[in-house]
N, C-alpha and C. Protein backbone atom coordinates (compact mmCIF):
# COMPACT_ATOMS: atom_id res chain seq x y z
N MET A 1 43.62 -109.21 -26.48
CA MET A 1 42.76 -108.94 -25.33
C MET A 1 43.46 -107.98 -24.38
N ALA A 2 42.71 -106.99 -23.88
CA ALA A 2 43.29 -106.01 -22.96
C ALA A 2 43.79 -106.68 -21.70
N SER A 3 44.97 -106.26 -21.24
CA SER A 3 45.55 -106.81 -20.02
C SER A 3 44.81 -106.27 -18.80
N GLU A 4 45.08 -106.87 -17.64
CA GLU A 4 44.45 -106.41 -16.39
C GLU A 4 44.78 -104.94 -16.15
N TYR A 5 46.03 -104.55 -16.41
CA TYR A 5 46.40 -103.15 -16.25
C TYR A 5 45.59 -102.26 -17.18
N GLU A 6 45.45 -102.67 -18.44
CA GLU A 6 44.70 -101.86 -19.39
C GLU A 6 43.24 -101.72 -18.99
N ARG A 7 42.66 -102.78 -18.45
CA ARG A 7 41.27 -102.70 -18.02
C ARG A 7 41.11 -101.67 -16.91
N ALA A 8 42.09 -101.60 -16.01
CA ALA A 8 42.05 -100.58 -14.95
C ALA A 8 42.19 -99.18 -15.55
N TYR A 9 43.07 -99.05 -16.53
CA TYR A 9 43.27 -97.76 -17.20
C TYR A 9 41.99 -97.33 -17.93
N ILE A 10 41.35 -98.27 -18.60
CA ILE A 10 40.11 -97.97 -19.31
C ILE A 10 39.04 -97.49 -18.33
N SER A 11 38.99 -98.09 -17.14
CA SER A 11 38.04 -97.66 -16.12
C SER A 11 38.28 -96.21 -15.73
N ILE A 12 39.55 -95.84 -15.55
CA ILE A 12 39.89 -94.45 -15.22
C ILE A 12 39.46 -93.52 -16.35
N MET A 13 39.79 -93.89 -17.57
CA MET A 13 39.50 -93.04 -18.72
C MET A 13 38.01 -92.95 -19.03
N SER A 14 37.22 -93.86 -18.48
CA SER A 14 35.78 -93.85 -18.71
C SER A 14 35.03 -92.96 -17.74
N SER A 15 35.71 -92.46 -16.71
CA SER A 15 35.03 -91.62 -15.72
C SER A 15 34.58 -90.31 -16.35
N ARG A 16 33.49 -89.77 -15.83
CA ARG A 16 32.93 -88.53 -16.39
C ARG A 16 33.94 -87.39 -16.33
N GLU A 17 34.69 -87.31 -15.23
CA GLU A 17 35.67 -86.24 -15.06
C GLU A 17 36.73 -86.28 -16.16
N VAL A 18 37.26 -87.46 -16.43
CA VAL A 18 38.33 -87.58 -17.44
C VAL A 18 37.77 -87.35 -18.84
N VAL A 19 36.61 -87.90 -19.15
CA VAL A 19 36.01 -87.70 -20.46
C VAL A 19 35.76 -86.22 -20.71
N GLN A 20 35.24 -85.52 -19.70
CA GLN A 20 34.99 -84.09 -19.86
C GLN A 20 36.29 -83.31 -20.07
N ALA A 21 37.35 -83.72 -19.37
CA ALA A 21 38.64 -83.06 -19.54
C ALA A 21 39.16 -83.25 -20.96
N TYR A 22 39.01 -84.45 -21.49
CA TYR A 22 39.46 -84.71 -22.86
C TYR A 22 38.58 -83.99 -23.88
N ALA A 23 37.29 -83.92 -23.61
CA ALA A 23 36.38 -83.24 -24.53
C ALA A 23 36.67 -81.74 -24.60
N ALA A 24 37.20 -81.19 -23.51
CA ALA A 24 37.53 -79.75 -23.48
C ALA A 24 38.89 -79.46 -24.09
N TRP A 25 39.67 -80.50 -24.35
CA TRP A 25 41.03 -80.33 -24.88
C TRP A 25 40.97 -80.30 -26.40
N ASP A 26 41.16 -79.12 -26.98
CA ASP A 26 41.10 -79.02 -28.43
C ASP A 26 42.34 -78.39 -29.04
N ASP A 27 43.37 -78.17 -28.22
CA ASP A 27 44.61 -77.59 -28.73
C ASP A 27 45.39 -78.63 -29.54
N ILE A 28 45.83 -78.23 -30.72
CA ILE A 28 46.66 -79.08 -31.57
C ILE A 28 47.98 -78.35 -31.78
N SER A 29 49.06 -78.97 -31.35
CA SER A 29 50.36 -78.31 -31.37
C SER A 29 50.88 -78.14 -32.80
N GLU A 30 51.88 -77.27 -32.93
CA GLU A 30 52.50 -77.05 -34.23
C GLU A 30 53.11 -78.34 -34.76
N GLN A 31 53.74 -79.11 -33.88
CA GLN A 31 54.37 -80.36 -34.30
C GLN A 31 53.33 -81.37 -34.81
N GLU A 32 52.18 -81.42 -34.12
CA GLU A 32 51.12 -82.31 -34.56
C GLU A 32 50.58 -81.89 -35.92
N GLN A 33 50.36 -80.60 -36.09
CA GLN A 33 49.86 -80.11 -37.37
C GLN A 33 50.83 -80.39 -38.51
N LEU A 34 52.13 -80.22 -38.24
CA LEU A 34 53.14 -80.46 -39.27
C LEU A 34 53.20 -81.94 -39.64
N ALA A 35 53.15 -82.82 -38.63
CA ALA A 35 53.20 -84.26 -38.90
C ALA A 35 51.99 -84.70 -39.72
N ILE A 36 50.82 -84.16 -39.39
CA ILE A 36 49.61 -84.50 -40.14
C ILE A 36 49.68 -83.94 -41.55
N ALA A 37 50.13 -82.69 -41.68
CA ALA A 37 50.23 -82.07 -43.01
C ALA A 37 51.21 -82.83 -43.90
N ASP A 38 52.26 -83.39 -43.30
CA ASP A 38 53.26 -84.13 -44.07
C ASP A 38 52.72 -85.45 -44.60
N ALA A 39 51.73 -86.01 -43.90
CA ALA A 39 51.26 -87.36 -44.24
C ALA A 39 49.92 -87.39 -44.97
N VAL A 40 49.04 -86.41 -44.73
CA VAL A 40 47.66 -86.50 -45.19
C VAL A 40 47.41 -85.59 -46.39
N ILE A 41 46.81 -86.15 -47.44
CA ILE A 41 46.36 -85.36 -48.58
C ILE A 41 44.86 -85.58 -48.78
N SER A 42 44.25 -84.77 -49.62
CA SER A 42 42.79 -84.68 -49.67
C SER A 42 42.09 -85.98 -50.07
N ARG A 43 42.73 -86.83 -50.85
CA ARG A 43 42.06 -88.05 -51.31
C ARG A 43 42.25 -89.23 -50.35
N ASP A 44 42.92 -89.01 -49.24
CA ASP A 44 43.27 -90.11 -48.33
C ASP A 44 42.09 -90.63 -47.53
N ARG A 45 42.20 -91.91 -47.18
CA ARG A 45 41.32 -92.55 -46.19
C ARG A 45 42.15 -92.66 -44.91
N VAL A 46 41.66 -92.03 -43.83
CA VAL A 46 42.45 -91.90 -42.60
C VAL A 46 41.79 -92.65 -41.45
N LEU A 47 42.60 -93.44 -40.73
CA LEU A 47 42.15 -94.14 -39.53
C LEU A 47 42.83 -93.52 -38.32
N ASP A 48 42.03 -92.98 -37.41
CA ASP A 48 42.51 -92.35 -36.17
C ASP A 48 42.39 -93.38 -35.05
N VAL A 49 43.50 -94.03 -34.72
CA VAL A 49 43.50 -95.13 -33.74
C VAL A 49 43.64 -94.56 -32.33
N GLY A 50 42.66 -94.86 -31.47
CA GLY A 50 42.65 -94.27 -30.13
C GLY A 50 42.27 -92.81 -30.22
N CYS A 51 41.17 -92.53 -30.90
CA CYS A 51 40.78 -91.14 -31.18
C CYS A 51 40.34 -90.39 -29.93
N GLY A 52 40.07 -91.10 -28.83
CA GLY A 52 39.68 -90.43 -27.60
C GLY A 52 38.42 -89.61 -27.78
N ALA A 53 38.44 -88.36 -27.30
CA ALA A 53 37.27 -87.49 -27.39
C ALA A 53 37.27 -86.66 -28.67
N GLY A 54 38.09 -87.05 -29.64
CA GLY A 54 38.01 -86.43 -30.96
C GLY A 54 38.81 -85.16 -31.16
N ARG A 55 39.96 -85.06 -30.51
CA ARG A 55 40.75 -83.83 -30.63
C ARG A 55 41.17 -83.58 -32.08
N PHE A 56 41.43 -84.63 -32.85
CA PHE A 56 41.88 -84.45 -34.24
C PHE A 56 40.75 -84.63 -35.26
N THR A 57 39.55 -84.93 -34.80
CA THR A 57 38.47 -85.32 -35.72
C THR A 57 38.11 -84.22 -36.70
N ARG A 58 37.87 -83.01 -36.21
CA ARG A 58 37.48 -81.93 -37.13
C ARG A 58 38.59 -81.62 -38.12
N LEU A 59 39.83 -81.54 -37.63
CA LEU A 59 40.95 -81.23 -38.51
C LEU A 59 41.07 -82.27 -39.62
N LEU A 60 41.03 -83.55 -39.25
CA LEU A 60 41.21 -84.60 -40.24
C LEU A 60 40.00 -84.75 -41.16
N SER A 61 38.81 -84.59 -40.62
CA SER A 61 37.60 -84.71 -41.44
C SER A 61 37.60 -83.69 -42.57
N GLY A 62 38.20 -82.53 -42.29
CA GLY A 62 38.25 -81.48 -43.31
C GLY A 62 39.41 -81.60 -44.27
N LYS A 63 40.32 -82.54 -44.01
CA LYS A 63 41.53 -82.66 -44.84
C LYS A 63 41.54 -83.89 -45.74
N CYS A 64 40.65 -84.84 -45.49
CA CYS A 64 40.76 -86.13 -46.20
C CYS A 64 39.42 -86.55 -46.78
N ALA A 65 39.47 -87.58 -47.63
CA ALA A 65 38.26 -88.07 -48.28
C ALA A 65 37.39 -88.89 -47.34
N CYS A 66 38.02 -89.61 -46.41
CA CYS A 66 37.29 -90.47 -45.48
C CYS A 66 38.01 -90.51 -44.15
N TYR A 67 37.30 -90.22 -43.07
CA TYR A 67 37.87 -90.26 -41.72
C TYR A 67 37.12 -91.30 -40.90
N VAL A 68 37.87 -92.16 -40.20
CA VAL A 68 37.29 -93.13 -39.27
C VAL A 68 38.02 -92.99 -37.94
N GLY A 69 37.26 -92.77 -36.87
CA GLY A 69 37.83 -92.71 -35.53
C GLY A 69 37.53 -93.99 -34.78
N LEU A 70 38.54 -94.54 -34.11
CA LEU A 70 38.38 -95.80 -33.38
C LEU A 70 38.88 -95.64 -31.95
N ASP A 71 38.10 -96.13 -31.00
CA ASP A 71 38.51 -96.11 -29.60
C ASP A 71 37.80 -97.26 -28.89
N ILE A 72 38.38 -97.70 -27.78
CA ILE A 72 37.79 -98.81 -27.03
C ILE A 72 36.78 -98.33 -26.00
N ILE A 73 36.76 -97.01 -25.72
CA ILE A 73 35.92 -96.46 -24.65
C ILE A 73 34.68 -95.79 -25.23
N PRO A 74 33.48 -96.32 -24.98
CA PRO A 74 32.25 -95.76 -25.56
C PRO A 74 32.02 -94.29 -25.20
N MET A 75 32.32 -93.91 -23.95
CA MET A 75 32.08 -92.53 -23.54
C MET A 75 32.96 -91.54 -24.29
N MET A 76 34.17 -91.95 -24.64
CA MET A 76 35.04 -91.09 -25.45
C MET A 76 34.45 -90.92 -26.85
N LEU A 77 33.92 -91.99 -27.41
CA LEU A 77 33.32 -91.91 -28.74
C LEU A 77 32.08 -91.02 -28.72
N ASP A 78 31.32 -91.06 -27.62
CA ASP A 78 30.17 -90.16 -27.49
C ASP A 78 30.62 -88.71 -27.52
N ALA A 79 31.74 -88.42 -26.84
CA ALA A 79 32.27 -87.05 -26.83
C ALA A 79 32.73 -86.65 -28.23
N THR A 80 33.34 -87.58 -28.96
CA THR A 80 33.76 -87.30 -30.33
C THR A 80 32.55 -87.00 -31.21
N LYS A 81 31.48 -87.77 -31.03
CA LYS A 81 30.27 -87.59 -31.82
C LYS A 81 29.68 -86.21 -31.60
N SER A 82 29.77 -85.70 -30.38
CA SER A 82 29.22 -84.37 -30.10
C SER A 82 30.04 -83.28 -30.78
N ARG A 83 31.30 -83.56 -31.08
CA ARG A 83 32.15 -82.59 -31.78
C ARG A 83 31.93 -82.63 -33.29
N SER A 84 31.69 -83.82 -33.80
CA SER A 84 31.58 -84.00 -35.25
C SER A 84 30.53 -85.07 -35.52
N ARG A 85 29.31 -84.66 -35.74
CA ARG A 85 28.20 -85.60 -35.85
C ARG A 85 28.28 -86.49 -37.09
N ASP A 86 29.03 -86.06 -38.09
CA ASP A 86 29.13 -86.85 -39.32
C ASP A 86 30.30 -87.83 -39.32
N ALA A 87 31.08 -87.82 -38.23
CA ALA A 87 32.27 -88.69 -38.19
C ALA A 87 31.85 -90.16 -38.11
N TRP A 88 32.61 -91.01 -38.77
CA TRP A 88 32.39 -92.45 -38.71
C TRP A 88 33.24 -92.98 -37.56
N LEU A 89 32.57 -93.49 -36.53
CA LEU A 89 33.25 -93.91 -35.30
C LEU A 89 32.98 -95.38 -35.01
N ILE A 90 34.01 -96.06 -34.52
CA ILE A 90 33.91 -97.49 -34.24
C ILE A 90 34.55 -97.80 -32.89
N GLN A 91 33.86 -98.61 -32.07
CA GLN A 91 34.44 -99.07 -30.82
C GLN A 91 35.12 -100.41 -31.07
N ALA A 92 36.42 -100.48 -30.77
CA ALA A 92 37.16 -101.73 -30.98
C ALA A 92 38.49 -101.66 -30.27
N ASP A 93 39.08 -102.84 -30.05
CA ASP A 93 40.43 -102.96 -29.53
C ASP A 93 41.40 -102.63 -30.66
N ALA A 94 42.31 -101.71 -30.42
CA ALA A 94 43.21 -101.23 -31.48
C ALA A 94 44.20 -102.29 -31.95
N THR A 95 44.35 -103.37 -31.20
CA THR A 95 45.25 -104.44 -31.65
C THR A 95 44.54 -105.44 -32.56
N GLN A 96 43.22 -105.29 -32.69
CA GLN A 96 42.42 -106.20 -33.53
C GLN A 96 41.49 -105.35 -34.39
N LEU A 97 42.03 -104.69 -35.37
CA LEU A 97 41.27 -103.74 -36.17
C LEU A 97 40.29 -104.46 -37.11
N PRO A 98 39.01 -104.04 -37.10
CA PRO A 98 37.99 -104.73 -37.89
C PRO A 98 37.88 -104.20 -39.32
N PHE A 99 39.02 -104.15 -40.02
CA PHE A 99 39.04 -103.62 -41.38
C PHE A 99 39.85 -104.55 -42.28
N ALA A 100 39.56 -104.47 -43.57
CA ALA A 100 40.30 -105.27 -44.54
C ALA A 100 41.70 -104.71 -44.74
N ASN A 101 42.62 -105.56 -45.14
CA ASN A 101 43.97 -105.11 -45.46
C ASN A 101 43.91 -104.06 -46.57
N GLY A 102 44.69 -102.99 -46.40
CA GLY A 102 44.75 -101.94 -47.41
C GLY A 102 43.57 -100.98 -47.40
N ALA A 103 42.75 -101.00 -46.35
CA ALA A 103 41.54 -100.18 -46.33
C ALA A 103 41.82 -98.69 -46.15
N PHE A 104 43.01 -98.33 -45.65
CA PHE A 104 43.32 -96.93 -45.36
C PHE A 104 44.66 -96.52 -45.98
N ASP A 105 44.79 -95.22 -46.15
CA ASP A 105 46.04 -94.65 -46.67
C ASP A 105 46.92 -94.11 -45.56
N VAL A 106 46.30 -93.65 -44.47
CA VAL A 106 47.04 -93.04 -43.36
C VAL A 106 46.50 -93.58 -42.04
N GLY A 107 47.40 -93.92 -41.13
CA GLY A 107 47.03 -94.29 -39.77
C GLY A 107 47.58 -93.25 -38.80
N LEU A 108 46.74 -92.82 -37.88
CA LEU A 108 47.14 -91.86 -36.85
C LEU A 108 47.18 -92.59 -35.51
N VAL A 109 48.36 -92.63 -34.87
CA VAL A 109 48.53 -93.31 -33.58
C VAL A 109 49.27 -92.35 -32.66
N MET A 110 48.55 -91.75 -31.70
CA MET A 110 49.12 -90.65 -30.93
C MET A 110 49.07 -90.90 -29.42
N HIS A 111 50.17 -90.58 -28.74
CA HIS A 111 50.25 -90.50 -27.28
C HIS A 111 49.69 -91.74 -26.58
N ASN A 112 48.68 -91.49 -25.71
CA ASN A 112 48.15 -92.55 -24.86
C ASN A 112 47.47 -93.66 -25.65
N GLY A 113 47.10 -93.37 -26.90
CA GLY A 113 46.48 -94.40 -27.72
C GLY A 113 47.35 -95.64 -27.86
N ILE A 114 48.65 -95.46 -27.73
CA ILE A 114 49.57 -96.60 -27.76
C ILE A 114 50.38 -96.71 -26.47
N ASP A 115 50.71 -95.57 -25.84
CA ASP A 115 51.59 -95.62 -24.67
C ASP A 115 50.93 -96.23 -23.44
N ALA A 116 49.60 -96.30 -23.43
CA ALA A 116 48.91 -96.92 -22.29
C ALA A 116 48.79 -98.43 -22.44
N LEU A 117 49.19 -98.96 -23.60
CA LEU A 117 49.12 -100.41 -23.79
C LEU A 117 50.24 -101.11 -23.03
N HIS A 118 49.90 -102.22 -22.41
CA HIS A 118 50.86 -102.97 -21.59
C HIS A 118 50.47 -104.45 -21.66
N PRO A 119 51.43 -105.33 -21.89
CA PRO A 119 52.88 -105.14 -21.99
C PRO A 119 53.31 -104.68 -23.38
N ILE A 120 54.63 -104.67 -23.62
CA ILE A 120 55.19 -104.20 -24.88
C ILE A 120 54.60 -104.95 -26.07
N SER A 121 54.30 -106.21 -25.90
CA SER A 121 53.75 -107.01 -27.01
C SER A 121 52.44 -106.43 -27.53
N ARG A 122 51.72 -105.71 -26.67
CA ARG A 122 50.47 -105.07 -27.11
C ARG A 122 50.76 -103.89 -28.04
N ARG A 123 51.85 -103.17 -27.78
CA ARG A 123 52.26 -102.10 -28.70
C ARG A 123 52.61 -102.69 -30.06
N GLU A 124 53.37 -103.78 -30.02
CA GLU A 124 53.77 -104.44 -31.27
C GLU A 124 52.54 -104.90 -32.05
N ALA A 125 51.55 -105.42 -31.34
CA ALA A 125 50.33 -105.89 -31.99
C ALA A 125 49.57 -104.74 -32.64
N LEU A 126 49.51 -103.59 -31.96
CA LEU A 126 48.82 -102.43 -32.52
C LEU A 126 49.50 -101.96 -33.80
N LEU A 127 50.81 -101.78 -33.75
CA LEU A 127 51.53 -101.30 -34.94
C LEU A 127 51.41 -102.29 -36.09
N SER A 128 51.43 -103.58 -35.79
CA SER A 128 51.27 -104.60 -36.82
C SER A 128 49.88 -104.52 -37.45
N ALA A 129 48.86 -104.32 -36.60
CA ALA A 129 47.49 -104.23 -37.09
C ALA A 129 47.31 -103.00 -37.98
N VAL A 130 47.90 -101.88 -37.57
CA VAL A 130 47.80 -100.66 -38.37
C VAL A 130 48.50 -100.86 -39.72
N ARG A 131 49.67 -101.45 -39.68
CA ARG A 131 50.39 -101.69 -40.94
C ARG A 131 49.55 -102.54 -41.90
N ASP A 132 48.87 -103.55 -41.38
CA ASP A 132 48.08 -104.43 -42.24
C ASP A 132 46.95 -103.69 -42.94
N VAL A 133 46.30 -102.74 -42.26
CA VAL A 133 45.14 -102.07 -42.86
C VAL A 133 45.54 -100.89 -43.73
N LEU A 134 46.84 -100.59 -43.83
CA LEU A 134 47.29 -99.51 -44.69
C LEU A 134 47.56 -100.02 -46.11
N SER A 135 47.36 -99.14 -47.07
CA SER A 135 47.64 -99.46 -48.46
C SER A 135 49.14 -99.63 -48.67
N ALA A 136 49.54 -100.07 -49.86
CA ALA A 136 50.95 -100.33 -50.14
C ALA A 136 51.81 -99.09 -49.94
N ALA A 137 51.24 -97.92 -50.23
CA ALA A 137 51.97 -96.65 -50.05
C ALA A 137 51.51 -95.94 -48.78
N GLY A 138 51.04 -96.72 -47.80
CA GLY A 138 50.47 -96.15 -46.58
C GLY A 138 51.47 -95.37 -45.75
N ARG A 139 50.91 -94.43 -44.98
CA ARG A 139 51.72 -93.57 -44.12
C ARG A 139 51.21 -93.62 -42.69
N LEU A 140 52.11 -93.37 -41.76
CA LEU A 140 51.79 -93.40 -40.33
C LEU A 140 52.17 -92.06 -39.70
N VAL A 141 51.23 -91.50 -38.93
CA VAL A 141 51.53 -90.34 -38.07
C VAL A 141 51.54 -90.87 -36.65
N PHE A 142 52.66 -90.74 -35.98
CA PHE A 142 52.89 -91.46 -34.72
C PHE A 142 53.51 -90.53 -33.69
N SER A 143 53.09 -90.66 -32.44
CA SER A 143 53.77 -89.93 -31.36
C SER A 143 53.85 -90.82 -30.13
N THR A 144 54.87 -90.56 -29.31
CA THR A 144 55.06 -91.34 -28.09
C THR A 144 55.79 -90.49 -27.07
N HIS A 145 55.66 -90.84 -25.80
CA HIS A 145 56.35 -90.12 -24.72
C HIS A 145 57.82 -90.52 -24.69
N LEU A 146 58.67 -89.54 -24.45
CA LEU A 146 60.10 -89.80 -24.35
C LEU A 146 60.52 -89.98 -22.90
N LEU A 147 61.51 -90.82 -22.69
CA LEU A 147 62.05 -91.07 -21.35
C LEU A 147 62.84 -89.85 -20.90
N ARG A 148 62.54 -89.36 -19.69
CA ARG A 148 63.23 -88.20 -19.14
C ARG A 148 64.34 -88.66 -18.19
N PRO A 149 65.38 -87.84 -18.02
CA PRO A 149 66.52 -88.24 -17.17
C PRO A 149 66.12 -88.60 -15.74
N ASP A 150 65.07 -87.95 -15.22
CA ASP A 150 64.68 -88.19 -13.84
C ASP A 150 63.56 -89.22 -13.69
N ASP A 151 63.17 -89.87 -14.78
CA ASP A 151 62.13 -90.89 -14.69
C ASP A 151 62.64 -92.13 -13.96
N ARG A 152 61.78 -92.67 -13.11
CA ARG A 152 62.08 -93.93 -12.42
C ARG A 152 61.36 -95.06 -13.15
N VAL A 153 62.13 -95.96 -13.72
CA VAL A 153 61.56 -97.06 -14.49
C VAL A 153 61.49 -98.30 -13.61
N ASP A 154 60.27 -98.62 -13.15
CA ASP A 154 60.08 -99.80 -12.30
C ASP A 154 59.87 -101.06 -13.13
N ILE A 155 59.21 -100.91 -14.27
CA ILE A 155 58.98 -102.00 -15.20
C ILE A 155 59.63 -101.59 -16.51
N PRO A 156 60.48 -102.43 -17.12
CA PRO A 156 61.19 -102.03 -18.33
C PRO A 156 60.27 -101.41 -19.39
N GLY A 157 60.59 -100.18 -19.76
CA GLY A 157 59.81 -99.49 -20.78
C GLY A 157 58.65 -98.67 -20.25
N TYR A 158 58.38 -98.75 -18.93
CA TYR A 158 57.21 -98.08 -18.38
C TYR A 158 57.56 -97.26 -17.14
N VAL A 159 56.87 -96.13 -17.00
CA VAL A 159 57.03 -95.25 -15.85
C VAL A 159 55.68 -95.09 -15.16
N SER A 160 55.67 -95.17 -13.85
CA SER A 160 54.44 -94.95 -13.08
C SER A 160 54.28 -93.46 -12.85
N GLU A 161 53.11 -92.91 -13.19
CA GLU A 161 52.90 -91.48 -13.00
C GLU A 161 51.45 -91.20 -12.64
N ASP A 162 51.25 -90.03 -12.05
CA ASP A 162 49.90 -89.63 -11.64
C ASP A 162 49.12 -89.15 -12.85
N TYR A 163 47.93 -89.68 -13.02
CA TYR A 163 47.10 -89.31 -14.17
C TYR A 163 45.68 -89.13 -13.69
N HIS A 164 45.25 -87.87 -13.60
CA HIS A 164 43.92 -87.53 -13.10
C HIS A 164 43.66 -88.16 -11.73
N GLY A 165 44.69 -88.11 -10.88
CA GLY A 165 44.54 -88.60 -9.52
C GLY A 165 44.74 -90.08 -9.34
N HIS A 166 45.16 -90.77 -10.39
CA HIS A 166 45.39 -92.21 -10.32
C HIS A 166 46.81 -92.52 -10.80
N GLN A 167 47.41 -93.55 -10.22
CA GLN A 167 48.72 -93.99 -10.67
C GLN A 167 48.54 -94.93 -11.87
N VAL A 168 49.18 -94.58 -12.97
CA VAL A 168 49.09 -95.40 -14.17
C VAL A 168 50.49 -95.69 -14.70
N LEU A 169 50.62 -96.75 -15.47
CA LEU A 169 51.87 -97.05 -16.16
C LEU A 169 51.81 -96.44 -17.55
N MET A 170 52.84 -95.67 -17.92
CA MET A 170 52.89 -95.05 -19.24
C MET A 170 54.22 -95.40 -19.90
N HIS A 171 54.16 -95.86 -21.11
CA HIS A 171 55.39 -96.21 -21.83
C HIS A 171 56.19 -94.95 -22.14
N ARG A 172 57.49 -95.02 -21.91
CA ARG A 172 58.41 -93.94 -22.31
C ARG A 172 59.61 -94.58 -23.00
N THR A 173 60.15 -93.86 -23.98
CA THR A 173 61.18 -94.45 -24.81
C THR A 173 62.24 -93.41 -25.16
N THR A 174 63.19 -93.78 -25.99
CA THR A 174 64.22 -92.87 -26.49
C THR A 174 64.03 -92.70 -28.00
N GLU A 175 64.69 -91.70 -28.56
CA GLU A 175 64.58 -91.47 -30.00
C GLU A 175 65.04 -92.70 -30.78
N ASP A 176 66.19 -93.25 -30.40
CA ASP A 176 66.72 -94.41 -31.11
C ASP A 176 65.79 -95.62 -30.98
N ALA A 177 65.25 -95.82 -29.78
CA ALA A 177 64.35 -96.96 -29.56
C ALA A 177 63.05 -96.78 -30.34
N CYS A 178 62.57 -95.55 -30.42
CA CYS A 178 61.36 -95.25 -31.20
C CYS A 178 61.59 -95.57 -32.67
N ARG A 179 62.71 -95.14 -33.18
CA ARG A 179 63.05 -95.40 -34.58
C ARG A 179 63.13 -96.92 -34.85
N ALA A 180 63.77 -97.63 -33.92
CA ALA A 180 63.91 -99.08 -34.07
C ALA A 180 62.56 -99.78 -33.98
N GLU A 181 61.70 -99.31 -33.07
CA GLU A 181 60.38 -99.91 -32.90
C GLU A 181 59.57 -99.80 -34.19
N LEU A 182 59.59 -98.62 -34.80
CA LEU A 182 58.82 -98.41 -36.02
C LEU A 182 59.37 -99.24 -37.17
N ARG A 183 60.69 -99.29 -37.29
CA ARG A 183 61.27 -100.09 -38.37
C ARG A 183 60.96 -101.57 -38.20
N SER A 184 61.01 -102.05 -36.96
CA SER A 184 60.69 -103.44 -36.68
C SER A 184 59.24 -103.75 -37.02
N ALA A 185 58.37 -102.73 -36.87
CA ALA A 185 56.94 -102.91 -37.14
C ALA A 185 56.61 -102.76 -38.62
N GLY A 186 57.61 -102.41 -39.43
CA GLY A 186 57.36 -102.31 -40.87
C GLY A 186 57.17 -100.91 -41.39
N PHE A 187 57.73 -99.91 -40.68
CA PHE A 187 57.61 -98.51 -41.10
C PHE A 187 59.00 -97.87 -41.22
N ASN A 188 59.15 -96.99 -42.19
CA ASN A 188 60.38 -96.21 -42.33
C ASN A 188 60.11 -94.76 -41.92
N PRO A 189 60.67 -94.30 -40.79
CA PRO A 189 60.46 -92.91 -40.37
C PRO A 189 60.99 -91.93 -41.42
N ARG A 190 60.19 -90.89 -41.72
CA ARG A 190 60.60 -89.84 -42.65
C ARG A 190 61.05 -88.60 -41.89
N THR A 191 60.21 -88.17 -40.95
CA THR A 191 60.53 -87.00 -40.13
C THR A 191 60.33 -87.35 -38.67
N MET A 192 61.18 -86.79 -37.80
CA MET A 192 61.06 -87.00 -36.36
C MET A 192 61.28 -85.65 -35.68
N GLU A 193 60.30 -85.22 -34.88
CA GLU A 193 60.37 -83.91 -34.23
C GLU A 193 60.19 -84.09 -32.73
N VAL A 194 61.18 -83.65 -31.95
CA VAL A 194 61.12 -83.75 -30.49
C VAL A 194 60.52 -82.48 -29.91
N VAL A 195 59.58 -82.65 -28.98
CA VAL A 195 58.96 -81.53 -28.28
C VAL A 195 59.47 -81.50 -26.86
N ARG A 196 59.91 -80.33 -26.43
CA ARG A 196 60.45 -80.18 -25.08
C ARG A 196 59.48 -79.38 -24.21
N LYS A 197 59.48 -79.73 -22.93
CA LYS A 197 58.64 -79.06 -21.94
C LYS A 197 59.52 -78.71 -20.76
N ARG A 198 59.61 -77.44 -20.45
CA ARG A 198 60.50 -76.96 -19.39
C ARG A 198 61.92 -77.49 -19.59
N GLY A 199 62.36 -77.47 -20.84
CA GLY A 199 63.73 -77.84 -21.16
C GLY A 199 63.99 -79.33 -21.28
N LYS A 200 62.98 -80.17 -21.01
CA LYS A 200 63.17 -81.62 -21.07
C LYS A 200 62.39 -82.20 -22.26
N ALA A 201 63.00 -83.18 -22.93
CA ALA A 201 62.32 -83.86 -24.02
C ALA A 201 61.08 -84.57 -23.47
N GLU A 202 59.92 -84.33 -24.09
CA GLU A 202 58.67 -84.86 -23.56
C GLU A 202 57.98 -85.81 -24.55
N TRP A 203 57.90 -85.43 -25.82
CA TRP A 203 57.26 -86.25 -26.84
C TRP A 203 58.10 -86.26 -28.10
N ILE A 204 57.84 -87.23 -28.93
CA ILE A 204 58.42 -87.24 -30.27
C ILE A 204 57.30 -87.49 -31.27
N TYR A 205 57.30 -86.73 -32.34
CA TYR A 205 56.30 -86.86 -33.40
C TYR A 205 56.98 -87.38 -34.66
N VAL A 206 56.38 -88.38 -35.27
CA VAL A 206 57.01 -89.06 -36.40
C VAL A 206 56.03 -89.16 -37.56
N SER A 207 56.53 -88.90 -38.75
CA SER A 207 55.82 -89.21 -39.98
C SER A 207 56.60 -90.34 -40.64
N ALA A 208 55.93 -91.45 -40.93
CA ALA A 208 56.62 -92.63 -41.46
C ALA A 208 55.87 -93.23 -42.64
N GLU A 209 56.58 -94.03 -43.42
CA GLU A 209 56.00 -94.72 -44.56
C GLU A 209 56.01 -96.23 -44.32
N LYS A 210 55.01 -96.89 -44.84
CA LYS A 210 54.97 -98.35 -44.77
C LYS A 210 56.09 -98.93 -45.64
N GLN A 211 56.81 -99.87 -45.08
CA GLN A 211 57.88 -100.50 -45.84
C GLN A 211 57.30 -101.35 -46.97
N THR A 212 58.00 -101.35 -48.10
CA THR A 212 57.58 -102.19 -49.21
C THR A 212 58.33 -103.51 -49.15
N ILE A 213 57.67 -104.56 -49.57
CA ILE A 213 58.27 -105.90 -49.51
C ILE A 213 59.18 -106.12 -50.73
């Protein structure tokens, strides 16, 4: 169940202004394209967790056999539908995925789709849920915000920052902590690419494999 903080965040993300801003955002970085290319092949079934307004929908729909976009915010899904009318979209909490085990080959978990979850146990629940719905040879495309030297951490693992005129908590981490988090969740990182902004580490993009038992 979404925490009180998450419910406030969802309210912000549901506003017309924010939905329109996300719908207008269609840039896909080189690092994102490389991470997706490393993980996705044409016969794959892909689950885009926290798909938002569908920034990756067209790219993935054209690269795989089956694309499913999932988000908790109906207005974001409406924006995704306007971009790709044939996309299969589902409204659901990402920590409680309504799919059978092994239903997908690739899971996409990017940026705010996981970093806005609070507390940390919600992140763990999301990664566990994604792992369960991936096939035995499943792959994960993952990104998260990196902790910057000047960040003020008021709550362990989270930084308060301005987001579309509102103060929100956003998870930030380190490369080592990211690697440990994924391994603890049952994934083995294959590639890790750090993106810098104005000389500071800002995001990390990871391509990972589901661990075998």
